[in-house]
C-alpha atoms as a PDB file:
ATOM      1  CA  UNK A   1      40.011  36.189 -10.099  1.00  0.00           C
ATOM      2  CA  UNK A   2      39.345  32.813  -9.302  1.00  0.00           C
ATOM      3  CA  UNK A   3      37.672  32.745  -5.578  1.00  0.00           C
ATOM      4  CA  UNK A   4      36.317  29.005  -5.778  1.00  0.00           C
ATOM      5  CA  UNK A   5      40.020  27.917  -6.317  1.00  0.00           C
ATOM      6  CA  UNK A   6      43.266  27.889  -4.371  1.00  0.00           C
ATOM      7  CA  UNK A   7      44.364  29.966  -4.178  1.00  0.00           C
ATOM      8  CA  UNK A   8      41.739  32.493  -4.605  1.00  0.00           C
ATOM      9  CA  UNK A   9      39.641  30.539  -2.411  1.00  0.00           C
ATOM     10  CA  UNK A  10      41.817  31.469   0.828  1.00  0.00           C
ATOM     11  CA  UNK A  11      41.363  35.405  -0.117  1.00  0.00           C
ATOM     12  CA  UNK A  12      38.655  37.479   2.348  1.00  0.00           C
ATOM     13  CA  UNK A  13      36.676  40.513   1.415  1.00  0.00           C
ATOM     14  CA  UNK A  14      38.928  42.740   2.091  1.00  0.00           C
ATOM     15  CA  UNK A  15      41.743  40.905  -0.246  1.00  0.00           C
ATOM     16  CA  UNK A  16      39.024  40.652  -3.017  1.00  0.00           C
ATOM     17  CA  UNK A  17      38.495  44.599  -2.320  1.00  0.00           C
ATOM     18  CA  UNK A  18      42.188  45.581  -2.407  1.00  0.00           C
ATOM     19  CA  UNK A  19      42.388  44.082  -5.830  1.00  0.00           C
ATOM     20  CA  UNK A  20      38.928  45.360  -7.383  1.00  0.00           C
ATOM     21  CA  UNK A  21      40.822  48.578  -6.418  1.00  0.00           C
ATOM     22  CA  UNK A  22      44.109  48.333  -8.190  1.00  0.00           C
ATOM     23  CA  UNK A  23      41.863  46.872 -11.519  1.00  0.00           C
ATOM     24  CA  UNK A  24      40.206  50.353 -10.924  1.00  0.00           C
ATOM     25  CA  UNK A  25      42.919  52.320 -10.347  1.00  0.00           C
ATOM     26  CA  UNK A  26      44.705  50.995 -13.313  1.00  0.00           C
ATOM     27  CA  UNK A  27      41.811  50.754 -15.736  1.00  0.00           C
ATOM     28  CA  UNK A  28      41.136  47.600 -15.729  1.00  0.00           C
ATOM     29  CA  UNK A  29      38.674  44.962 -16.101  1.00  0.00           C
ATOM     30  CA  UNK A  30      38.083  42.494 -13.220  1.00  0.00           C
ATOM     31  CA  UNK A  31      36.809  39.157 -14.256  1.00  0.00           C
ATOM     32  CA  UNK A  32      35.745  36.966 -11.102  1.00  0.00           C
ATOM     33  CA  UNK A  33      35.081  33.293 -10.618  1.00  0.00           C
ATOM     34  CA  UNK A  34      32.345  33.453  -7.911  1.00  0.00           C
ATOM     35  CA  UNK A  35      32.839  31.700  -4.688  1.00  0.00           C
ATOM     36  CA  UNK A  36      29.842  29.483  -5.750  1.00  0.00           C
ATOM     37  CA  UNK A  37      27.701  28.903  -8.891  1.00  0.00           C
ATOM     38  CA  UNK A  38      25.381  26.181  -6.841  1.00  0.00           C
ATOM     39  CA  UNK A  39      22.669  26.816  -4.173  1.00  0.00           C
ATOM     40  CA  UNK A  40      24.801  24.069  -1.799  1.00  0.00           C
ATOM     41  CA  UNK A  41      28.625  24.441  -1.929  1.00  0.00           C
ATOM     42  CA  UNK A  42      31.477  23.417  -0.013  1.00  0.00           C
ATOM     43  CA  UNK A  43      32.549  27.567   0.245  1.00  0.00           C
ATOM     44  CA  UNK A  44      29.830  28.520   2.695  1.00  0.00           C
ATOM     45  CA  UNK A  45      28.099  26.819   6.112  1.00  0.00           C
ATOM     46  CA  UNK A  46      25.271  24.910   5.170  1.00  0.00           C
ATOM     47  CA  UNK A  47      22.622  26.348   6.703  1.00  0.00           C
ATOM     48  CA  UNK A  48      18.638  24.738   6.404  1.00  0.00           C
ATOM     49  CA  UNK A  49      16.874  27.351   4.882  1.00  0.00           C
ATOM     50  CA  UNK A  50      19.603  29.843   4.188  1.00  0.00           C
ATOM     51  CA  UNK A  51      20.294  31.895   1.350  1.00  0.00           C
ATOM     52  CA  UNK A  52      21.851  29.724  -2.131  1.00  0.00           C
ATOM     53  CA  UNK A  53      25.219  30.113  -2.315  1.00  0.00           C
ATOM     54  CA  UNK A  54      25.712  30.888  -5.750  1.00  0.00           C
ATOM     55  CA  UNK A  55      23.132  34.138  -4.979  1.00  0.00           C
ATOM     56  CA  UNK A  56      25.409  34.542  -1.191  1.00  0.00           C
ATOM     57  CA  UNK A  57      28.198  34.992  -3.876  1.00  0.00           C
ATOM     58  CA  UNK A  58      27.178  36.922  -6.785  1.00  0.00           C
ATOM     59  CA  UNK A  59      25.980  39.206  -3.918  1.00  0.00           C
ATOM     60  CA  UNK A  60      29.307  39.480  -2.315  1.00  0.00           C
ATOM     61  CA  UNK A  61      30.547  40.500  -5.678  1.00  0.00           C
ATOM     62  CA  UNK A  62      28.288  42.851  -6.907  1.00  0.00           C
ATOM     63  CA  UNK A  63      28.523  45.012  -3.665  1.00  0.00           C
ATOM     64  CA  UNK A  64      32.043  44.676  -4.335  1.00  0.00           C
ATOM     65  CA  UNK A  65      31.492  46.493  -7.490  1.00  0.00           C
ATOM     66  CA  UNK A  66      28.910  48.641  -6.148  1.00  0.00           C
ATOM     67  CA  UNK A  67      31.689  49.976  -3.509  1.00  0.00           C
ATOM     68  CA  UNK A  68      34.649  49.872  -5.508  1.00  0.00           C
ATOM     69  CA  UNK A  69      33.569  51.274  -8.999  1.00  0.00           C
ATOM     70  CA  UNK A  70      35.979  48.530 -10.911  1.00  0.00           C
ATOM     71  CA  UNK A  71      34.669  47.571 -14.561  1.00  0.00           C
ATOM     72  CA  UNK A  72      33.546  43.976 -13.412  1.00  0.00           C
ATOM     73  CA  UNK A  73      32.978  40.676 -15.581  1.00  0.00           C
ATOM     74  CA  UNK A  74      31.015  37.384 -13.911  1.00  0.00           C
ATOM     75  CA  UNK A  75      33.154  34.851 -15.685  1.00  0.00           C
ATOM     76  CA  UNK A  76      30.466  31.549 -16.647  1.00  0.00           C
ATOM     77  CA  UNK A  77      27.245  32.287 -15.168  1.00  0.00           C
ATOM     78  CA  UNK A  78      26.329  28.831 -14.489  1.00  0.00           C
ATOM     79  CA  UNK A  79      23.864  27.052 -12.363  1.00  0.00           C
ATOM     80  CA  UNK A  80      24.858  24.177 -11.048  1.00  0.00           C
ATOM     81  CA  UNK A  81      22.823  20.713 -10.170  1.00  0.00           C
ATOM     82  CA  UNK A  82      18.759  21.058 -11.223  1.00  0.00           C
ATOM     83  CA  UNK A  83      17.985  22.704  -7.660  1.00  0.00           C
ATOM     84  CA  UNK A  84      20.119  25.612  -8.476  1.00  0.00           C
ATOM     85  CA  UNK A  85      17.857  26.245 -11.963  1.00  0.00           C
ATOM     86  CA  UNK A  86      15.347  28.113  -9.790  1.00  0.00           C
ATOM     87  CA  UNK A  87      17.872  30.743  -8.430  1.00  0.00           C
ATOM     88  CA  UNK A  88      18.659  31.982 -12.294  1.00  0.00           C
ATOM     89  CA  UNK A  89      15.193  34.995 -12.417  1.00  0.00           C
ATOM     90  CA  UNK A  90      16.793  35.703  -9.010  1.00  0.00           C
ATOM     91  CA  UNK A  91      20.133  35.955  -9.769  1.00  0.00           C
ATOM     92  CA  UNK A  92      19.558  37.574 -13.074  1.00  0.00           C
ATOM     93  CA  UNK A  93      17.446  40.335 -11.198  1.00  0.00           C
ATOM     94  CA  UNK A  94      20.240  41.073  -8.782  1.00  0.00           C
ATOM     95  CA  UNK A  95      22.567  41.494 -12.002  1.00  0.00           C
ATOM     96  CA  UNK A  96      19.531  44.019 -13.700  1.00  0.00           C
ATOM     97  CA  UNK A  97      19.574  46.334  -9.939  1.00  0.00           C
ATOM     98  CA  UNK A  98      23.550  46.370  -9.693  1.00  0.00           C
ATOM     99  CA  UNK A  99      23.575  47.544 -13.295  1.00  0.00           C
ATOM    100  CA  UNK A 100      20.777  50.346 -12.498  1.00  0.00           C
ATOM    101  CA  UNK A 101      22.674  51.143  -9.597  1.00  0.00           C
ATOM    102  CA  UNK A 102      25.640  52.138 -11.946  1.00  0.00           C
ATOM    103  CA  UNK A 103      28.410  49.255 -12.426  1.00  0.00           C
ATOM    104  CA  UNK A 104      29.630  48.946 -15.613  1.00  0.00           C
ATOM    105  CA  UNK A 105      29.094  44.703 -15.274  1.00  0.00           C
ATOM    106  CA  UNK A 106      29.202  42.095 -18.010  1.00  0.00           C
ATOM    107  CA  UNK A 107      28.549  38.138 -17.694  1.00  0.00           C
ATOM    108  CA  UNK A 108      30.306  35.751 -20.187  1.00  0.00           C
ATOM    109  CA  UNK A 109      28.636  31.890 -20.866  1.00  0.00           C
ATOM    110  CA  UNK A 110      28.664  28.798 -22.746  1.00  0.00           C
ATOM    111  CA  UNK A 111      27.237  26.651 -24.780  1.00  0.00           C
ATOM    112  CA  UNK A 112      27.443  23.446 -22.787  1.00  0.00           C
ATOM    113  CA  UNK A 113      25.287  21.922 -19.931  1.00  0.00           C
ATOM    114  CA  UNK A 114      28.822  20.237 -18.955  1.00  0.00           C
ATOM    115  CA  UNK A 115      32.286  21.883 -17.819  1.00  0.00           C
ATOM    116  CA  UNK A 116      35.886  21.562 -16.992  1.00  0.00           C
ATOM    117  CA  UNK A 117      37.375  21.297 -13.472  1.00  0.00           C
ATOM    118  CA  UNK A 118      39.989  19.807 -11.484  1.00  0.00           C
ATOM    119  CA  UNK A 119      38.556  16.942  -9.049  1.00  0.00           C
ATOM    120  CA  UNK A 120      39.425  19.339  -5.742  1.00  0.00           C
ATOM    121  CA  UNK A 121      36.431  21.764  -6.455  1.00  0.00           C
ATOM    122  CA  UNK A 122      34.060  19.847  -4.374  1.00  0.00           C
ATOM    123  CA  UNK A 123      36.362  20.412  -1.284  1.00  0.00           C
ATOM    124  CA  UNK A 124      36.107  23.079   0.943  1.00  0.00           C
ATOM    125  CA  UNK A 125      38.557  25.870   2.381  1.00  0.00           C
ATOM    126  CA  UNK A 126      39.470  24.269   5.173  1.00  0.00           C
ATOM    127  CA  UNK A 127      40.046  20.877   4.150  1.00  0.00           C
ATOM    128  CA  UNK A 128      42.020  22.054   0.815  1.00  0.00           C
ATOM    129  CA  UNK A 129      44.597  24.113   3.292  1.00  0.00           C
ATOM    130  CA  UNK A 130      45.597  21.190   5.136  1.00  0.00           C
ATOM    131  CA  UNK A 131      46.165  19.299   1.701  1.00  0.00           C
ATOM    132  CA  UNK A 132      47.395  16.739   0.909  1.00  0.00           C
ATOM    133  CA  UNK A 133      47.714  15.586   4.733  1.00  0.00           C
ATOM    134  CA  UNK A 134      43.560  16.155   5.219  1.00  0.00           C
ATOM    135  CA  UNK A 135      43.666  13.541   2.560  1.00  0.00           C
ATOM    136  CA  UNK A 136      44.167  10.715   4.999  1.00  0.00           C
ATOM    137  CA  UNK A 137      43.016  12.722   8.020  1.00  0.00           C
ATOM    138  CA  UNK A 138      40.012  10.296   9.596  1.00  0.00           C
ATOM    139  CA  UNK A 139      38.369  12.934  10.897  1.00  0.00           C
ATOM    140  CA  UNK A 140      38.548  15.681   8.609  1.00  0.00           C
ATOM    141  CA  UNK A 141      37.710  13.029   5.746  1.00  0.00           C
ATOM    142  CA  UNK A 142      34.277  12.200   7.932  1.00  0.00           C
ATOM    143  CA  UNK A 143      33.310  15.902   7.676  1.00  0.00           C
ATOM    144  CA  UNK A 144      33.374  16.242   4.188  1.00  0.00           C
ATOM    145  CA  UNK A 145      31.825  12.927   3.484  1.00  0.00           C
ATOM    146  CA  UNK A 146      28.706  14.603   5.359  1.00  0.00           C
ATOM    147  CA  UNK A 147      29.312  17.599   3.581  1.00  0.00           C
ATOM    148  CA  UNK A 148      29.142  16.127   0.190  1.00  0.00           C
ATOM    149  CA  UNK A 149      26.392  13.447   1.121  1.00  0.00           C
ATOM    150  CA  UNK A 150      24.426  16.312   2.538  1.00  0.00           C
ATOM    151  CA  UNK A 151      25.435  18.979  -0.660  1.00  0.00           C
ATOM    152  CA  UNK A 152      24.383  16.602  -3.309  1.00  0.00           C
ATOM    153  CA  UNK A 153      20.763  15.368  -1.716  1.00  0.00           C
ATOM    154  CA  UNK A 154      20.299  19.175  -1.663  1.00  0.00           C
ATOM    155  CA  UNK A 155      21.789  20.089  -5.151  1.00  0.00           C
ATOM    156  CA  UNK A 156      20.421  17.507  -7.145  1.00  0.00           C
ATOM    157  CA  UNK A 157      24.163  16.081  -8.125  1.00  0.00           C
ATOM    158  CA  UNK A 158      26.133  13.775  -7.223  1.00  0.00           C
ATOM    159  CA  UNK A 159      29.056  11.596  -8.527  1.00  0.00           C
ATOM    160  CA  UNK A 160      27.344  10.135 -11.056  1.00  0.00           C
ATOM    161  CA  UNK A 161      27.718  13.438 -13.063  1.00  0.00           C
ATOM    162  CA  UNK A 162      31.459  13.557 -12.253  1.00  0.00           C
ATOM    163  CA  UNK A 163      33.452  12.381 -15.444  1.00  0.00           C
ATOM    164  CA  UNK A 164      37.060  11.961 -15.401  1.00  0.00           C
ATOM    165  CA  UNK A 165      38.918  13.611 -18.135  1.00  0.00           C
ATOM    166  CA  UNK A 166      42.196  12.718 -17.174  1.00  0.00           C
ATOM    167  CA  UNK A 167      42.718  10.603 -13.896  1.00  0.00           C
ATOM    168  CA  UNK A 168      46.765  12.433 -13.747  1.00  0.00           C
ATOM    169  CA  UNK A 169      47.889   9.230 -12.236  1.00  0.00           C
ATOM    170  CA  UNK A 170      49.400   5.885 -14.483  1.00  0.00           C
ATOM    171  CA  UNK A 171      46.930   3.219 -12.107  1.00  0.00           C
ATOM    172  CA  UNK A 172      43.699   4.755 -12.464  1.00  0.00           C
ATOM    173  CA  UNK A 173      43.943   6.474 -16.485  1.00  0.00           C
ATOM    174  CA  UNK A 174      42.613   3.329 -17.592  1.00  0.00           C
ATOM    175  CA  UNK A 175      39.205   5.224 -16.139  1.00  0.00           C
ATOM    176  CA  UNK A 176      39.796   8.711 -18.504  1.00  0.00           C
ATOM    177  CA  UNK A 177      36.390   9.492 -19.587  1.00  0.00           C
ATOM    178  CA  UNK A 178      34.484   7.374 -17.209  1.00  0.00           C
ATOM    179  CA  UNK A 179      31.840   8.557 -14.842  1.00  0.00           C
ATOM    180  CA  UNK A 180      33.021   8.439 -11.008  1.00  0.00           C
ATOM    181  CA  UNK A 181      29.118   6.469  -9.985  1.00  0.00           C
ATOM    182  CA  UNK A 182      29.869   3.541 -12.885  1.00  0.00           C
ATOM    183  CA  UNK A 183      33.945   3.406 -11.675  1.00  0.00           C
ATOM    184  CA  UNK A 184      33.109   3.001  -7.579  1.00  0.00           C
ATOM    185  CA  UNK A 185      30.605  -0.351  -8.963  1.00  0.00           C
ATOM    186  CA  UNK A 186      33.181  -1.068 -10.764  1.00  0.00           C
ATOM    187  CA  UNK A 187      35.669  -0.946  -8.055  1.00  0.00           C
ATOM    188  CA  UNK A 188      33.244  -2.193  -5.583  1.00  0.00           C
ATOM    189  CA  UNK A 189      33.995   0.770  -3.302  1.00  0.00           C
ATOM    190  CA  UNK A 190      31.821   3.355  -1.977  1.00  0.00           C
ATOM    191  CA  UNK A 191      31.376   6.532  -3.765  1.00  0.00           C
ATOM    192  CA  UNK A 192      33.169   8.824  -1.635  1.00  0.00           C
ATOM    193  CA  UNK A 193      36.430   6.505  -0.606  1.00  0.00           C
ATOM    194  CA  UNK A 194      36.309   6.248  -5.257  1.00  0.00           C
ATOM    195  CA  UNK A 195      36.294  10.282  -5.141  1.00  0.00           C
ATOM    196  CA  UNK A 196      38.772  10.427  -2.464  1.00  0.00           C
ATOM    197  CA  UNK A 197      41.343   7.688  -4.161  1.00  0.00           C
ATOM    198  CA  UNK A 198      41.438  10.008  -6.902  1.00  0.00           C
ATOM    199  CA  UNK A 199      42.224  12.883  -5.291  1.00  0.00           C
ATOM    200  CA  UNK A 200      44.275  11.572  -3.374  1.00  0.00           C
ATOM    201  CA  UNK A 201      46.847   9.587  -6.365  1.00  0.00           C
ATOM    202  CA  UNK A 202      46.780  12.665  -8.431  1.00  0.00           C
ATOM    203  CA  UNK A 203      47.583  14.585  -5.712  1.00  0.00           C
ATOM    204  CA  UNK A 204      44.280  17.006  -6.287  1.00  0.00           C
ATOM    205  CA  UNK A 205      44.983  17.695  -9.632  1.00  0.00           C
ATOM    206  CA  UNK A 206      42.865  15.115 -12.020  1.00  0.00           C
ATOM    207  CA  UNK A 207      40.616  16.877 -14.545  1.00  0.00           C
ATOM    208  CA  UNK A 208      36.889  16.634 -14.484  1.00  0.00           C
ATOM    209  CA  UNK A 209      34.188  17.653 -16.753  1.00  0.00           C
ATOM    210  CA  UNK A 210      30.909  18.241 -14.472  1.00  0.00           C
ATOM    211  CA  UNK A 211      27.956  17.345 -15.858  1.00  0.00           C
ATOM    212  CA  UNK A 212      24.297  19.278 -15.297  1.00  0.00           C
ATOM    213  CA  UNK A 213      25.436  22.812 -14.615  1.00  0.00           C
ATOM    214  CA  UNK A 214      23.185  23.923 -16.089  1.00  0.00           C
ATOM    215  CA  UNK A 215      19.923  23.037 -18.488  1.00  0.00           C
ATOM    216  CA  UNK A 216      18.830  24.555 -21.944  1.00  0.00           C
ATOM    217  CA  UNK A 217      16.048  26.711 -21.078  1.00  0.00           C
ATOM    218  CA  UNK A 218      19.063  28.663 -18.995  1.00  0.00           C
ATOM    219  CA  UNK A 219      21.763  28.792 -21.911  1.00  0.00           C
ATOM    220  CA  UNK A 220      19.136  30.090 -24.559  1.00  0.00           C
ATOM    221  CA  UNK A 221      18.443  32.863 -22.076  1.00  0.00           C
ATOM    222  CA  UNK A 222      21.833  34.178 -21.420  1.00  0.00           C
ATOM    223  CA  UNK A 223      22.814  33.324 -25.135  1.00  0.00           C
ATOM    224  CA  UNK A 224      20.255  36.418 -25.566  1.00  0.00           C
ATOM    225  CA  UNK A 225      20.853  38.294 -23.257  1.00  0.00           C
ATOM    226  CA  UNK A 226      22.049  42.029 -23.640  1.00  0.00           C
ATOM    227  CA  UNK A 227      24.514  41.869 -21.748  1.00  0.00           C
ATOM    228  CA  UNK A 228      26.320  38.728 -22.340  1.00  0.00           C
ATOM    229  CA  UNK A 229      29.092  37.752 -24.182  1.00  0.00           C
ATOM    230  CA  UNK A 230      30.322  34.192 -25.357  1.00  0.00           C
ATOM    231  CA  UNK A 231      33.371  31.588 -24.159  1.00  0.00           C
ATOM    232  CA  UNK A 232      34.266  28.507 -24.035  1.00  0.00           C
ATOM    233  CA  UNK A 233      35.900  28.689 -20.103  1.00  0.00           C
ATOM    234  CA  UNK A 234      38.052  25.479 -22.030  1.00  0.00           C
ATOM    235  CA  UNK A 235      41.456  24.235 -22.373  1.00  0.00           C
ATOM    236  CA  UNK A 236      43.301  21.858 -24.611  1.00  0.00           C
ATOM    237  CA  UNK A 237      44.816  18.641 -21.640  1.00  0.00           C
ATOM    238  CA  UNK A 238      48.018  17.033 -23.291  1.00  0.00           C
ATOM    239  CA  UNK A 239      46.517  13.934 -22.914  1.00  0.00           C
ATOM    240  CA  UNK A 240      42.808  12.311 -21.676  1.00  0.00           C
ATOM    241  CA  UNK A 241      39.665  13.306 -22.141  1.00  0.00           C
ATOM    242  CA  UNK A 242      38.920  16.799 -23.713  1.00  0.00           C
ATOM    243  CA  UNK A 243      36.624  19.286 -22.792  1.00  0.00           C
ATOM    244  CA  UNK A 244      34.351  19.392 -25.671  1.00  0.00           C
ATOM    245  CA  UNK A 245      33.988  23.178 -25.544  1.00  0.00           C
ATOM    246  CA  UNK A 246      37.572  23.039 -27.386  1.00  0.00           C
ATOM    247  CA  UNK A 247      36.333  21.796 -30.436  1.00  0.00           C
ATOM    248  CA  UNK A 248      32.256  23.147 -30.771  1.00  0.00           C
ATOM    249  CA  UNK A 249      31.855  25.425 -28.362  1.00  0.00           C
ATOM    250  CA  UNK A 250      31.567  28.655 -30.789  1.00  0.00           C
ATOM    251  CA  UNK A 251      29.968  26.299 -33.197  1.00  0.00           C
ATOM    252  CA  UNK A 252      27.616  25.024 -30.357  1.00  0.00           C
ATOM    253  CA  UNK A 253      26.515  28.948 -30.379  1.00  0.00           C
ATOM    254  CA  UNK A 254      25.523  29.284 -33.892  1.00  0.00           C
ATOM    255  CA  UNK A 255      23.747  25.890 -34.038  1.00  0.00           C
ATOM    256  CA  UNK A 256      21.799  26.710 -31.055  1.00  0.00           C
ATOM    257  CA  UNK A 257      21.268  30.738 -32.621  1.00  0.00           C
ATOM    258  CA  UNK A 258      19.381  29.558 -36.062  1.00  0.00           C
ATOM    259  CA  UNK A 259      17.275  27.122 -33.534  1.00  0.00           C
ATOM    260  CA  UNK A 260      16.308  29.622 -30.994  1.00  0.00           C
ATOM    261  CA  UNK A 261      15.573  32.707 -33.708  1.00  0.00           C
ATOM    262  CA  UNK A 262      18.580  34.718 -32.600  1.00  0.00           C
ATOM    263  CA  UNK A 263      20.296  36.973 -35.026  1.00  0.00           C
ATOM    264  CA  UNK A 264      23.234  35.282 -36.545  1.00  0.00           C
ATOM    265  CA  UNK A 265      24.839  38.609 -36.516  1.00  0.00           C
ATOM    266  CA  UNK A 266      24.422  38.923 -32.939  1.00  0.00           C
ATOM    267  CA  UNK A 267      25.526  35.545 -31.996  1.00  0.00           C
ATOM    268  CA  UNK A 268      28.886  36.628 -33.884  1.00  0.00           C
ATOM    269  CA  UNK A 269      29.377  40.239 -32.486  1.00  0.00           C
ATOM    270  CA  UNK A 270      29.210  38.713 -28.440  1.00  0.00           C
ATOM    271  CA  UNK A 271      32.085  36.067 -29.990  1.00  0.00           C
ATOM    272  CA  UNK A 272      34.342  39.013 -31.659  1.00  0.00           C
ATOM    273  CA  UNK A 273      33.925  42.459 -31.843  1.00  0.00           C
ATOM    274  CA  UNK A 274      32.005  42.689 -28.297  1.00  0.00           C
ATOM    275  CA  UNK A 275      34.408  40.527 -26.339  1.00  0.00           C
ATOM    276  CA  UNK A 276      37.545  42.390 -28.377  1.00  0.00           C
ATOM    277  CA  UNK A 277      35.402  46.079 -26.831  1.00  0.00           C
ATOM    278  CA  UNK A 278      35.046  44.468 -23.495  1.00  0.00           C
ATOM    279  CA  UNK A 279      38.361  43.814 -23.114  1.00  0.00           C
ATOM    280  CA  UNK A 280      40.344  46.066 -24.283  1.00  0.00           C
ATOM    281  CA  UNK A 281      41.407  44.330 -27.593  1.00  0.00           C
ATOM    282  CA  UNK A 282      42.215  47.526 -29.818  1.00  0.00           C
ATOM    283  CA  UNK A 283      43.392  45.096 -32.820  1.00  0.00           C
ATOM    284  CA  UNK A 284      40.806  42.564 -33.259  1.00  0.00           C
ATOM    285  CA  UNK A 285      37.224  41.831 -32.799  1.00  0.00           C
ATOM    286  CA  UNK A 286      36.049  42.995 -36.318  1.00  0.00           C
ATOM    287  CA  UNK A 287      37.261  43.165 -39.804  1.00  0.00           C
ATOM    288  CA  UNK A 288      39.165  46.506 -40.562  1.00  0.00           C
ATOM    289  CA  UNK A 289      41.865  47.680 -42.421  1.00  0.00           C
ATOM    290  CA  UNK A 290      45.034  47.161 -39.990  1.00  0.00           C
ATOM    291  CA  UNK A 291      43.336  44.709 -37.697  1.00  0.00           C
ATOM    292  CA  UNK A 292      44.272  41.586 -37.069  1.00  0.00           C
ATOM    293  CA  UNK A 293      42.773  39.128 -40.071  1.00  0.00           C
ATOM    294  CA  UNK A 294      41.084  36.440 -38.011  1.00  0.00           C
ATOM    295  CA  UNK A 295      38.332  34.989 -40.578  1.00  0.00           C
ATOM    296  CA  UNK A 296      36.262  31.992 -40.052  1.00  0.00           C
ATOM    297  CA  UNK A 297      34.590  31.152 -42.981  1.00  0.00           C
ATOM    298  CA  UNK A 298      31.345  28.926 -42.303  1.00  0.00           C
ATOM    299  CA  UNK A 299      27.897  27.785 -43.673  1.00  0.00           C
ATOM    300  CA  UNK A 300      25.086  28.745 -41.219  1.00  0.00           C
ATOM    301  CA  UNK A 301      23.189  26.009 -42.399  1.00  0.00           C
ATOM    302  CA  UNK A 302      24.880  23.082 -41.511  1.00  0.00           C
ATOM    303  CA  UNK A 303      27.608  24.436 -38.799  1.00  0.00           C
ATOM    304  CA  UNK A 304      27.403  22.180 -36.269  1.00  0.00           C
ATOM    305  CA  UNK A 305      29.225  20.514 -33.369  1.00  0.00           C
ATOM    306  CA  UNK A 306      29.523  16.831 -33.163  1.00  0.00           C
ATOM    307  CA  UNK A 307      31.268  16.209 -29.872  1.00  0.00           C
ATOM    308  CA  UNK A 308      29.524  13.338 -27.492  1.00  0.00           C
ATOM    309  CA  UNK A 309      29.743  12.897 -23.835  1.00  0.00           C
ATOM    310  CA  UNK A 310      32.670   9.920 -25.579  1.00  0.00           C
ATOM    311  CA  UNK A 311      33.612  11.862 -28.360  1.00  0.00           C
ATOM    312  CA  UNK A 312      34.884  14.681 -27.147  1.00  0.00           C
ATOM    313  CA  UNK A 313      37.314  15.988 -29.473  1.00  0.00           C
ATOM    314  CA  UNK A 314      35.220  15.731 -32.908  1.00  0.00           C
ATOM    315  CA  UNK A 315      35.744  18.259 -35.233  1.00  0.00           C
ATOM    316  CA  UNK A 316      32.311  20.773 -36.075  1.00  0.00           C
ATOM    317  CA  UNK A 317      30.918  20.830 -39.406  1.00  0.00           C
ATOM    318  CA  UNK A 318      30.218  23.839 -41.572  1.00  0.00           C
ATOM    319  CA  UNK A 319      33.925  25.194 -41.111  1.00  0.00           C
ATOM    320  CA  UNK A 320      35.532  25.795 -44.500  1.00  0.00           C
ATOM    321  CA  UNK A 321      38.429  28.574 -43.761  1.00  0.00           C
ATOM    322  CA  UNK A 322      39.923  30.277 -41.062  1.00  0.00           C
ATOM    323  CA  UNK A 323      42.737  32.924 -41.054  1.00  0.00           C
ATOM    324  CA  UNK A 324      44.430  33.649 -37.432  1.00  0.00           C
ATOM    325  CA  UNK A 325      46.741  36.869 -37.779  1.00  0.00           C
ATOM    326  CA  UNK A 326      46.141  36.985 -41.776  1.00  0.00           C
ATOM    327  CA  UNK A 327      47.848  33.535 -42.089  1.00  0.00           C
ATOM    328  CA  UNK A 328      45.429  30.351 -43.036  1.00  0.00           C
ATOM    329  CA  UNK A 329      45.275  27.957 -41.037  1.00  0.00           C
ATOM    330  CA  UNK A 330      41.959  25.588 -42.382  1.00  0.00           C
ATOM    331  CA  UNK A 331      41.396  24.859 -45.551  1.00  0.00           C
ATOM    332  CA  UNK A 332      37.912  23.705 -47.276  1.00  0.00           C
ATOM    333  CA  UNK A 333      37.955  22.150 -43.699  1.00  0.00           C
ATOM    334  CA  UNK A 334      41.089  20.597 -42.949  1.00  0.00           C
ATOM    335  CA  UNK A 335      43.432  22.200 -40.543  1.00  0.00           C
ATOM    336  CA  UNK A 336      47.399  22.235 -41.017  1.00  0.00           C
ATOM    337  CA  UNK A 337      48.587  21.188 -37.702  1.00  0.00           C
ATOM    338  CA  UNK A 338      52.031  22.295 -38.090  1.00  0.00           C
ATOM    339  CA  UNK A 339      50.603  26.187 -38.934  1.00  0.00           C
ATOM    340  CA  UNK A 340      50.573  27.573 -35.465  1.00  0.00           C
ATOM    341  CA  UNK A 341      50.453  31.962 -36.014  1.00  0.00           C
ATOM    342  CA  UNK A 342      48.205  32.310 -33.144  1.00  0.00           C
ATOM    343  CA  UNK A 343      50.230  34.544 -30.049  1.00  0.00           C
ATOM    344  CA  UNK A 344      49.194  34.749 -26.336  1.00  0.00           C
ATOM    345  CA  UNK A 345      46.661  38.448 -26.209  1.00  0.00           C
ATOM    346  CA  UNK A 346      47.575  41.490 -24.449  1.00  0.00           C
END
């Protein structure tokens, strides 16, 4: 369930509960992208001294799991904006309490301080419900402008943290890879107006990389947590700037494991066997007779992610050989672009 994106953002608690009951009745795992991952968001009303929005969203998901008995997977537990980082300890307390209450619950995490999204992720449901007319509605735009200004101030997050990955419009594609704040200064337009121009011209489809999604300390804590699995939250785009996690997420995990003292076997298990078990993929995840031969041979001393903010598609170091479904796709560090033995997992 993607509860921070359309159409999931429009789902009420009863509808979400029915989906959970359906998953429970089919003995399926329910993966949930929470309604908010920041202490202030467009999802809930901004109330002075109110509860952090990410904790409200987390409580809703945990209560739903308690009420229905569904097996719950919390997708990429992140803490967007510096002022949200302080909610980490409380969020983990809530998760531990749910587990002690009998909820079958795990979380997943990725190794970056940025994440990929669509440009409308900042906009509230009442605004998106009227799109695209709302993109040019003066009163609605004024309300969203004020909400964005307040939210950014409270969050420690802003347009300087939003990088255009793919503008999805020929007039704007030249800005791919640039940050919205820099683009606005170059175009000599107000920051919010610049943002909405990208929204309008892409019809809400522009791809972005959002920075200050979490801190290194939080990433390290989640990496080692017994309830965590590793994921990338990444997909390759046909054009524009790529999400660096497409190329470097798991090498980055392995590099951090060495630096933090996390046993390499544990890190590998979280990205292979443990994930396969959690999602019921019985034909892979371990090197066993009869299972799919998905094998990566790497050097633990040299493996590393080589991506940067501007070069997001750099191949990692330290990977020598890769087999997918028993077919070799990488030999001596070189991939065969014509070899594509992967298939959809069900």
